[in-house]
Amino acid sequence: MIGWIVLGVVVLALLGLVAIYNRLVRLRALVREGFSGITVQLRRRADLIPNLVEAVKGYAAHEKQVFEDVTRARAATANAGSVEATAQSRP
């Protein structure tokens, strides 16, 4: 009778160990999957940086042209001698 109880306790202990092991393996897989997802997102972000740089360059070129046009118009207005010349110097 005691042999059956000991055997039952041993079997339950083994089942518990198997369950704990399976849980640890599953959690390890989830951690690896999480880090993999982070790596993918960081690569996507790094791949978008050249596009962002090109967009900023294009906007900077546009802004430079607008600044030059405004400076030119302002200088023409400042150098105009009369009201009529000032009116004609404005775009």
PDB file of N, CA and C in Angstrom:
ATOM      1  N   MET A   1       0.807  -1.184   0.000  1.00  0.00           N
ATOM      2  CA  MET A   1       0.000   0.000   0.000  1.00  0.00           C
ATOM      3  C   MET A   1       0.863   1.265   0.000  1.00  0.00           C
ATOM      4  N   ILE A   2       1.860   1.342   0.836  1.00  0.00           N
ATOM      5  CA  ILE A   2       2.743   2.499   0.902  1.00  0.00           C
ATOM      6  C   ILE A   2       3.522   2.614  -0.403  1.00  0.00           C
ATOM      7  N   GLY A   3       3.817   1.489  -1.027  1.00  0.00           N
ATOM      8  CA  GLY A   3       4.526   1.490  -2.309  1.00  0.00           C
ATOM      9  C   GLY A   3       3.716   2.216  -3.374  1.00  0.00           C
ATOM     10  N   TRP A   4       2.389   2.007  -3.370  1.00  0.00           N
ATOM     11  CA  TRP A   4       1.530   2.684  -4.343  1.00  0.00           C
ATOM     12  C   TRP A   4       1.476   4.192  -4.081  1.00  0.00           C
ATOM     13  N   ILE A   5       1.476   4.578  -2.848  1.00  0.00           N
ATOM     14  CA  ILE A   5       1.450   6.004  -2.498  1.00  0.00           C
ATOM     15  C   ILE A   5       2.759   6.670  -2.927  1.00  0.00           C
ATOM     16  N   VAL A   6       3.877   6.009  -2.649  1.00  0.00           N
ATOM     17  CA  VAL A   6       5.183   6.542  -3.056  1.00  0.00           C
ATOM     18  C   VAL A   6       5.246   6.631  -4.574  1.00  0.00           C
ATOM     19  N   LEU A   7       4.777   5.594  -5.250  1.00  0.00           N
ATOM     20  CA  LEU A   7       4.766   5.595  -6.717  1.00  0.00           C
ATOM     21  C   LEU A   7       3.887   6.732  -7.242  1.00  0.00           C
ATOM     22  N   GLY A   8       2.741   6.957  -6.628  1.00  0.00           N
ATOM     23  CA  GLY A   8       1.847   8.048  -7.033  1.00  0.00           C
ATOM     24  C   GLY A   8       2.502   9.412  -6.836  1.00  0.00           C
ATOM     25  N   VAL A   9       3.178   9.590  -5.705  1.00  0.00           N
ATOM     26  CA  VAL A   9       3.859  10.855  -5.438  1.00  0.00           C
ATOM     27  C   VAL A   9       4.978  11.075  -6.444  1.00  0.00           C
ATOM     28  N   VAL A  10       5.730  10.020  -6.770  1.00  0.00           N
ATOM     29  CA  VAL A  10       6.816  10.130  -7.752  1.00  0.00           C
ATOM     30  C   VAL A  10       6.253  10.479  -9.122  1.00  0.00           C
ATOM     31  N   VAL A  11       5.163   9.829  -9.512  1.00  0.00           N
ATOM     32  CA  VAL A  11       4.541  10.108 -10.819  1.00  0.00           C
ATOM     33  C   VAL A  11       4.042  11.547 -10.856  1.00  0.00           C
ATOM     34  N   LEU A  12       3.395  12.005  -9.790  1.00  0.00           N
ATOM     35  CA  LEU A  12       2.925  13.390  -9.738  1.00  0.00           C
ATOM     36  C   LEU A  12       4.097  14.372  -9.800  1.00  0.00           C
ATOM     37  N   ALA A  13       5.184  14.058  -9.116  1.00  0.00           N
ATOM     38  CA  ALA A  13       6.363  14.921  -9.149  1.00  0.00           C
ATOM     39  C   ALA A  13       6.952  14.980 -10.558  1.00  0.00           C
ATOM     40  N   LEU A  14       7.012  13.823 -11.223  1.00  0.00           N
ATOM     41  CA  LEU A  14       7.521  13.808 -12.603  1.00  0.00           C
ATOM     42  C   LEU A  14       6.615  14.594 -13.538  1.00  0.00           C
ATOM     43  N   LEU A  15       5.304  14.445 -13.383  1.00  0.00           N
ATOM     44  CA  LEU A  15       4.373  15.213 -14.213  1.00  0.00           C
ATOM     45  C   LEU A  15       4.521  16.713 -13.954  1.00  0.00           C
ATOM     46  N   GLY A  16       4.728  17.073 -12.697  1.00  0.00           N
ATOM     47  CA  GLY A  16       4.951  18.484 -12.372  1.00  0.00           C
ATOM     48  C   GLY A  16       6.223  19.014 -13.005  1.00  0.00           C
ATOM     49  N   LEU A  17       7.280  18.225 -12.955  1.00  0.00           N
ATOM     50  CA  LEU A  17       8.542  18.640 -13.578  1.00  0.00           C
ATOM     51  C   LEU A  17       8.402  18.789 -15.087  1.00  0.00           C
ATOM     52  N   VAL A  18       7.675  17.863 -15.709  1.00  0.00           N
ATOM     53  CA  VAL A  18       7.446  17.945 -17.157  1.00  0.00           C
ATOM     54  C   VAL A  18       6.638  19.201 -17.485  1.00  0.00           C
ATOM     55  N   ALA A  19       5.631  19.498 -16.679  1.00  0.00           N
ATOM     56  CA  ALA A  19       4.816  20.690 -16.916  1.00  0.00           C
ATOM     57  C   ALA A  19       5.653  21.960 -16.757  1.00  0.00           C
ATOM     58  N   ILE A  20       6.489  22.014 -15.736  1.00  0.00           N
ATOM     59  CA  ILE A  20       7.355  23.178 -15.521  1.00  0.00           C
ATOM     60  C   ILE A  20       8.331  23.328 -16.682  1.00  0.00           C
ATOM     61  N   TYR A  21       8.919  22.224 -17.130  1.00  0.00           N
ATOM     62  CA  TYR A  21       9.859  22.267 -18.248  1.00  0.00           C
ATOM     63  C   TYR A  21       9.167  22.785 -19.514  1.00  0.00           C
ATOM     64  N   ASN A  22       7.983  22.260 -19.797  1.00  0.00           N
ATOM     65  CA  ASN A  22       7.244  22.699 -20.989  1.00  0.00           C
ATOM     66  C   ASN A  22       6.908  24.185 -20.912  1.00  0.00           C
ATOM     67  N   ARG A  23       6.540  24.651 -19.736  1.00  0.00           N
ATOM     68  CA  ARG A  23       6.227  26.075 -19.561  1.00  0.00           C
ATOM     69  C   ARG A  23       7.482  26.921 -19.802  1.00  0.00           C
ATOM     70  N   LEU A  24       8.613  26.505 -19.281  1.00  0.00           N
ATOM     71  CA  LEU A  24       9.853  27.254 -19.487  1.00  0.00           C
ATOM     72  C   LEU A  24      10.249  27.288 -20.961  1.00  0.00           C
ATOM     73  N   VAL A  25      10.066  26.180 -21.658  1.00  0.00           N
ATOM     74  CA  VAL A  25      10.386  26.143 -23.089  1.00  0.00           C
ATOM     75  C   VAL A  25       9.465  27.090 -23.848  1.00  0.00           C
ATOM     76  N   ARG A  26       8.181  27.095 -23.490  1.00  0.00           N
ATOM     77  CA  ARG A  26       7.218  27.973 -24.161  1.00  0.00           C
ATOM     78  C   ARG A  26       7.565  29.435 -23.897  1.00  0.00           C
ATOM     79  N   LEU A  27       7.908  29.773 -22.666  1.00  0.00           N
ATOM     80  CA  LEU A  27       8.271  31.147 -22.331  1.00  0.00           C
ATOM     81  C   LEU A  27       9.547  31.585 -23.048  1.00  0.00           C
ATOM     82  N   ARG A  28      10.508  30.682 -23.169  1.00  0.00           N
ATOM     83  CA  ARG A  28      11.741  31.004 -23.893  1.00  0.00           C
ATOM     84  C   ARG A  28      11.426  31.300 -25.359  1.00  0.00           C
ATOM     85  N   ALA A  29      10.530  30.515 -25.947  1.00  0.00           N
ATOM     86  CA  ALA A  29      10.136  30.754 -27.342  1.00  0.00           C
ATOM     87  C   ALA A  29       9.443  32.109 -27.479  1.00  0.00           C
ATOM     88  N   LEU A  30       8.615  32.484 -26.509  1.00  0.00           N
ATOM     89  CA  LEU A  30       7.944  33.785 -26.554  1.00  0.00           C
ATOM     90  C   LEU A  30       8.940  34.932 -26.443  1.00  0.00           C
ATOM     91  N   VAL A  31       9.957  34.770 -25.605  1.00  0.00           N
ATOM     92  CA  VAL A  31      10.988  35.806 -25.462  1.00  0.00           C
ATOM     93  C   VAL A  31      11.750  35.963 -26.771  1.00  0.00           C
ATOM     94  N   ARG A  32      12.121  34.846 -27.379  1.00  0.00           N
ATOM     95  CA  ARG A  32      12.847  34.922 -28.658  1.00  0.00           C
ATOM     96  C   ARG A  32      11.982  35.573 -29.735  1.00  0.00           C
ATOM     97  N   GLU A  33      10.708  35.240 -29.752  1.00  0.00           N
ATOM     98  CA  GLU A  33       9.796  35.841 -30.725  1.00  0.00           C
ATOM     99  C   GLU A  33       9.676  37.347 -30.490  1.00  0.00           C
ATOM    100  N   GLY A  34       9.626  37.751 -29.239  1.00  0.00           N
ATOM    101  CA  GLY A  34       9.560  39.179 -28.919  1.00  0.00           C
ATOM    102  C   GLY A  34      10.792  39.933 -29.387  1.00  0.00           C
ATOM    103  N   PHE A  35      11.970  39.387 -29.118  1.00  0.00           N
ATOM    104  CA  PHE A  35      13.202  40.036 -29.566  1.00  0.00           C
ATOM    105  C   PHE A  35      13.285  40.057 -31.092  1.00  0.00           C
ATOM    106  N   SER A  36      12.788  39.023 -31.734  1.00  0.00           N
ATOM    107  CA  SER A  36      12.779  38.987 -33.191  1.00  0.00           C
ATOM    108  C   SER A  36      11.896  40.108 -33.737  1.00  0.00           C
ATOM    109  N   GLY A  37      10.753  40.325 -33.108  1.00  0.00           N
ATOM    110  CA  GLY A  37       9.867  41.404 -33.541  1.00  0.00           C
ATOM    111  C   GLY A  37      10.518  42.765 -33.379  1.00  0.00           C
ATOM    112  N   ILE A  38      11.239  42.951 -32.294  1.00  0.00           N
ATOM    113  CA  ILE A  38      11.938  44.217 -32.072  1.00  0.00           C
ATOM    114  C   ILE A  38      12.991  44.423 -33.147  1.00  0.00           C
ATOM    115  N   THR A  39      13.726  43.378 -33.467  1.00  0.00           N
ATOM    116  CA  THR A  39      14.760  43.471 -34.503  1.00  0.00           C
ATOM    117  C   THR A  39      14.152  43.850 -35.852  1.00  0.00           C
ATOM    118  N   VAL A  40      13.014  43.249 -36.180  1.00  0.00           N
ATOM    119  CA  VAL A  40      12.347  43.562 -37.451  1.00  0.00           C
ATOM    120  C   VAL A  40      11.933  45.029 -37.486  1.00  0.00           C
ATOM    121  N   GLN A  41      11.358  45.533 -36.403  1.00  0.00           N
ATOM    122  CA  GLN A  41      10.927  46.930 -36.367  1.00  0.00           C
ATOM    123  C   GLN A  41      12.121  47.881 -36.473  1.00  0.00           C
ATOM    124  N   LEU A  42      13.226  47.557 -35.827  1.00  0.00           N
ATOM    125  CA  LEU A  42      14.407  48.414 -35.915  1.00  0.00           C
ATOM    126  C   LEU A  42      14.983  48.424 -37.330  1.00  0.00           C
ATOM    127  N   ARG A  43      14.957  47.281 -37.998  1.00  0.00           N
ATOM    128  CA  ARG A  43      15.428  47.234 -39.395  1.00  0.00           C
ATOM    129  C   ARG A  43      14.525  48.057 -40.299  1.00  0.00           C
ATOM    130  N   ARG A  44      13.213  47.957 -40.104  1.00  0.00           N
ATOM    131  CA  ARG A  44      12.281  48.768 -40.911  1.00  0.00           C
ATOM    132  C   ARG A  44      12.546  50.248 -40.704  1.00  0.00           C
ATOM    133  N   ARG A  45      12.754  50.635 -39.459  1.00  0.00           N
ATOM    134  CA  ARG A  45      13.016  52.044 -39.159  1.00  0.00           C
ATOM    135  C   ARG A  45      14.316  52.488 -39.823  1.00  0.00           C
ATOM    136  N   ALA A  46      15.342  51.656 -39.759  1.00  0.00           N
ATOM    137  CA  ALA A  46      16.630  52.000 -40.375  1.00  0.00           C
ATOM    138  C   ALA A  46      16.492  52.098 -41.892  1.00  0.00           C
ATOM    139  N   ASP A  47      15.631  51.268 -42.481  1.00  0.00           N
ATOM    140  CA  ASP A  47      15.429  51.321 -43.927  1.00  0.00           C
ATOM    141  C   ASP A  47      14.703  52.599 -44.356  1.00  0.00           C
ATOM    142  N   LEU A  48      13.955  53.210 -43.469  1.00  0.00           N
ATOM    143  CA  LEU A  48      13.214  54.424 -43.810  1.00  0.00           C
ATOM    144  C   LEU A  48      14.063  55.694 -43.693  1.00  0.00           C
ATOM    145  N   ILE A  49      15.207  55.615 -43.053  1.00  0.00           N
ATOM    146  CA  ILE A  49      16.036  56.807 -42.849  1.00  0.00           C
ATOM    147  C   ILE A  49      16.473  57.444 -44.177  1.00  0.00           C
ATOM    148  N   PRO A  50      16.931  56.675 -45.184  1.00  0.00           N
ATOM    149  CA  PRO A  50      17.299  57.330 -46.456  1.00  0.00           C
ATOM    150  C   PRO A  50      16.126  58.082 -47.094  1.00  0.00           C
ATOM    151  N   ASN A  51      14.917  57.545 -46.994  1.00  0.00           N
ATOM    152  CA  ASN A  51      13.754  58.248 -47.543  1.00  0.00           C
ATOM    153  C   ASN A  51      13.528  59.570 -46.815  1.00  0.00           C
ATOM    154  N   LEU A  52      13.680  59.553 -45.513  1.00  0.00           N
ATOM    155  CA  LEU A  52      13.508  60.768 -44.723  1.00  0.00           C
ATOM    156  C   LEU A  52      14.570  61.805 -45.087  1.00  0.00           C
ATOM    157  N   VAL A  53      15.795  61.357 -45.266  1.00  0.00           N
ATOM    158  CA  VAL A  53      16.882  62.276 -45.637  1.00  0.00           C
ATOM    159  C   VAL A  53      16.587  62.920 -46.991  1.00  0.00           C
ATOM    160  N   GLU A  54      16.114  62.140 -47.948  1.00  0.00           N
ATOM    161  CA  GLU A  54      15.787  62.689 -49.270  1.00  0.00           C
ATOM    162  C   GLU A  54      14.642  63.696 -49.190  1.00  0.00           C
ATOM    163  N   ALA A  55      13.646  63.400 -48.375  1.00  0.00           N
ATOM    164  CA  ALA A  55      12.519  64.334 -48.217  1.00  0.00           C
ATOM    165  C   ALA A  55      12.996  65.649 -47.608  1.00  0.00           C
ATOM    166  N   VAL A  56      13.872  65.568 -46.627  1.00  0.00           N
ATOM    167  CA  VAL A  56      14.398  66.787 -45.994  1.00  0.00           C
ATOM    168  C   VAL A  56      15.244  67.572 -46.978  1.00  0.00           C
ATOM    169  N   LYS A  57      16.041  66.887 -47.789  1.00  0.00           N
ATOM    170  CA  LYS A  57      16.852  67.584 -48.796  1.00  0.00           C
ATOM    171  C   LYS A  57      15.961  68.319 -49.793  1.00  0.00           C
ATOM    172  N   GLY A  58      14.904  67.652 -50.245  1.00  0.00           N
ATOM    173  CA  GLY A  58      13.982  68.285 -51.185  1.00  0.00           C
ATOM    174  C   GLY A  58      13.310  69.499 -50.575  1.00  0.00           C
ATOM    175  N   TYR A  59      12.883  69.386 -49.337  1.00  0.00           N
ATOM    176  CA  TYR A  59      12.236  70.511 -48.673  1.00  0.00           C
ATOM    177  C   TYR A  59      13.229  71.642 -48.449  1.00  0.00           C
ATOM    178  N   ALA A  60      14.481  71.300 -48.108  1.00  0.00           N
ATOM    179  CA  ALA A  60      15.500  72.327 -47.886  1.00  0.00           C
ATOM    180  C   ALA A  60      15.781  73.088 -49.176  1.00  0.00           C
ATOM    181  N   ALA A  61      15.810  72.390 -50.303  1.00  0.00           N
ATOM    182  CA  ALA A  61      16.034  73.060 -51.585  1.00  0.00           C
ATOM    183  C   ALA A  61      14.878  74.011 -51.893  1.00  0.00           C
ATOM    184  N   HIS A  62      13.662  73.564 -51.628  1.00  0.00           N
ATOM    185  CA  HIS A  62      12.486  74.413 -51.857  1.00  0.00           C
ATOM    186  C   HIS A  62      12.551  75.638 -50.943  1.00  0.00           C
ATOM    187  N   GLU A  63      12.874  75.426 -49.702  1.00  0.00           N
ATOM    188  CA  GLU A  63      12.940  76.521 -48.740  1.00  0.00           C
ATOM    189  C   GLU A  63      14.030  77.520 -49.127  1.00  0.00           C
ATOM    190  N   LYS A  64      15.151  77.025 -49.621  1.00  0.00           N
ATOM    191  CA  LYS A  64      16.236  77.908 -50.046  1.00  0.00           C
ATOM    192  C   LYS A  64      15.769  78.793 -51.197  1.00  0.00           C
ATOM    193  N   GLN A  65      15.055  78.215 -52.147  1.00  0.00           N
ATOM    194  CA  GLN A  65      14.552  78.973 -53.293  1.00  0.00           C
ATOM    195  C   GLN A  65      13.553  80.038 -52.838  1.00  0.00           C
ATOM    196  N   VAL A  66      12.661  79.681 -51.933  1.00  0.00           N
ATOM    197  CA  VAL A  66      11.678  80.644 -51.425  1.00  0.00           C
ATOM    198  C   VAL A  66      12.389  81.779 -50.685  1.00  0.00           C
ATOM    199  N   PHE A  67      13.374  81.440 -49.869  1.00  0.00           N
ATOM    200  CA  PHE A  67      14.120  82.467 -49.131  1.00  0.00           C
ATOM    201  C   PHE A  67      14.826  83.419 -50.087  1.00  0.00           C
ATOM    202  N   GLU A  68      15.442  82.879 -51.139  1.00  0.00           N
ATOM    203  CA  GLU A  68      16.116  83.733 -52.118  1.00  0.00           C
ATOM    204  C   GLU A  68      15.126  84.640 -52.832  1.00  0.00           C
ATOM    205  N   ASP A  69      13.959  84.111 -53.200  1.00  0.00           N
ATOM    206  CA  ASP A  69      12.941  84.928 -53.871  1.00  0.00           C
ATOM    207  C   ASP A  69      12.443  86.054 -52.970  1.00  0.00           C
ATOM    208  N   VAL A  70      12.211  85.740 -51.708  1.00  0.00           N
ATOM    209  CA  VAL A  70      11.743  86.759 -50.763  1.00  0.00           C
ATOM    210  C   VAL A  70      12.822  87.819 -50.550  1.00  0.00           C
ATOM    211  N   THR A  71      14.070  87.393 -50.432  1.00  0.00           N
ATOM    212  CA  THR A  71      15.164  88.347 -50.240  1.00  0.00           C
ATOM    213  C   THR A  71      15.300  89.256 -51.454  1.00  0.00           C
ATOM    214  N   ARG A  72      15.187  88.668 -52.641  1.00  0.00           N
ATOM    215  CA  ARG A  72      15.291  89.456 -53.871  1.00  0.00           C
ATOM    216  C   ARG A  72      14.149  90.469 -53.954  1.00  0.00           C
ATOM    217  N   ALA A  73      12.927  90.046 -53.647  1.00  0.00           N
ATOM    218  CA  ALA A  73      11.774  90.950 -53.706  1.00  0.00           C
ATOM    219  C   ALA A  73      11.898  92.055 -52.652  1.00  0.00           C
ATOM    220  N   ARG A  74      12.389  91.704 -51.499  1.00  0.00           N
ATOM    221  CA  ARG A  74      12.556  92.685 -50.427  1.00  0.00           C
ATOM    222  C   ARG A  74      13.606  93.735 -50.806  1.00  0.00           C
ATOM    223  N   ALA A  75      14.690  93.265 -51.403  1.00  0.00           N
ATOM    224  CA  ALA A  75      15.741  94.196 -51.836  1.00  0.00           C
ATOM    225  C   ALA A  75      15.221  95.115 -52.933  1.00  0.00           C
ATOM    226  N   ALA A  76      14.434  94.574 -53.855  1.00  0.00           N
ATOM    227  CA  ALA A  76      13.887  95.399 -54.934  1.00  0.00           C
ATOM    228  C   ALA A  76      12.933  96.444 -54.369  1.00  0.00           C
ATOM    229  N   THR A  77      12.148  96.071 -53.382  1.00  0.00           N
ATOM    230  CA  THR A  77      11.221  97.014 -52.769  1.00  0.00           C
ATOM    231  C   THR A  77      11.990  98.087 -52.000  1.00  0.00           C
ATOM    232  N   ALA A  78      13.035  97.698 -51.318  1.00  0.00           N
ATOM    233  CA  ALA A  78      13.813  98.667 -50.543  1.00  0.00           C
ATOM    234  C   ALA A  78      14.557  99.638 -51.446  1.00  0.00           C
ATOM    235  N   ASN A  79      14.977  99.169 -52.611  1.00  0.00           N
ATOM    236  CA  ASN A  79      15.740 100.008 -53.530  1.00  0.00           C
ATOM    237  C   ASN A  79      14.853 100.837 -54.446  1.00  0.00           C
ATOM    238  N   ALA A  80      13.565 100.617 -54.410  1.00  0.00           N
ATOM    239  CA  ALA A  80      12.655 101.382 -55.279  1.00  0.00           C
ATOM    240  C   ALA A  80      12.607 102.818 -54.778  1.00  0.00           C
ATOM    241  N   GLY A  81      12.657 103.747 -55.726  1.00  0.00           N
ATOM    242  CA  GLY A  81      12.716 105.153 -55.334  1.00  0.00           C
ATOM    243  C   GLY A  81      11.361 105.795 -55.158  1.00  0.00           C
ATOM    244  N   SER A  82      10.349 105.277 -55.834  1.00  0.00           N
ATOM    245  CA  SER A  82       9.040 105.924 -55.768  1.00  0.00           C
ATOM    246  C   SER A  82       7.966 104.896 -55.445  1.00  0.00           C
ATOM    247  N   VAL A  83       6.772 105.400 -55.231  1.00  0.00           N
ATOM    248  CA  VAL A  83       5.644 104.522 -54.923  1.00  0.00           C
ATOM    249  C   VAL A  83       5.347 103.624 -56.113  1.00  0.00           C
ATOM    250  N   GLU A  84       5.431 104.180 -57.317  1.00  0.00           N
ATOM    251  CA  GLU A  84       5.161 103.378 -58.517  1.00  0.00           C
ATOM    252  C   GLU A  84       6.205 102.272 -58.689  1.00  0.00           C
ATOM    253  N   ALA A  85       7.456 102.594 -58.421  1.00  0.00           N
ATOM    254  CA  ALA A  85       8.520 101.597 -58.534  1.00  0.00           C
ATOM    255  C   ALA A  85       8.357 100.520 -57.462  1.00  0.00           C
ATOM    256  N   THR A  86       7.901 100.911 -56.292  1.00  0.00           N
ATOM    257  CA  THR A  86       7.664  99.935 -55.215  1.00  0.00           C
ATOM    258  C   THR A  86       6.537  99.007 -55.612  1.00  0.00           C
ATOM    259  N   ALA A  87       5.473  99.543 -56.184  1.00  0.00           N
ATOM    260  CA  ALA A  87       4.336  98.717 -56.604  1.00  0.00           C
ATOM    261  C   ALA A  87       4.749  97.748 -57.708  1.00  0.00           C
ATOM    262  N   GLN A  88       5.610  98.176 -58.611  1.00  0.00           N
ATOM    263  CA  GLN A  88       6.035  97.297 -59.694  1.00  0.00           C
ATOM    264  C   GLN A  88       7.053  96.247 -59.240  1.00  0.00           C
ATOM    265  N   SER A  89       7.778  96.522 -58.187  1.00  0.00           N
ATOM    266  CA  SER A  89       8.802  95.580 -57.725  1.00  0.00           C
ATOM    267  C   SER A  89       8.210  94.405 -57.002  1.00  0.00           C
ATOM    268  N   ARG A  90       6.987  94.513 -56.548  1.00  0.00           N
ATOM    269  CA  ARG A  90       6.352  93.388 -55.834  1.00  0.00           C
ATOM    270  C   ARG A  90       5.842  92.361 -56.836  1.00  0.00           C
ATOM    271  N   PRO A  91       5.975  91.088 -56.491  1.00  0.00           N
ATOM    272  CA  PRO A  91       5.546  90.022 -57.414  1.00  0.00           C
ATOM    273  C   PRO A  91       4.031  89.918 -57.509  1.00  0.00           C
TER     274      PRO A  91
END
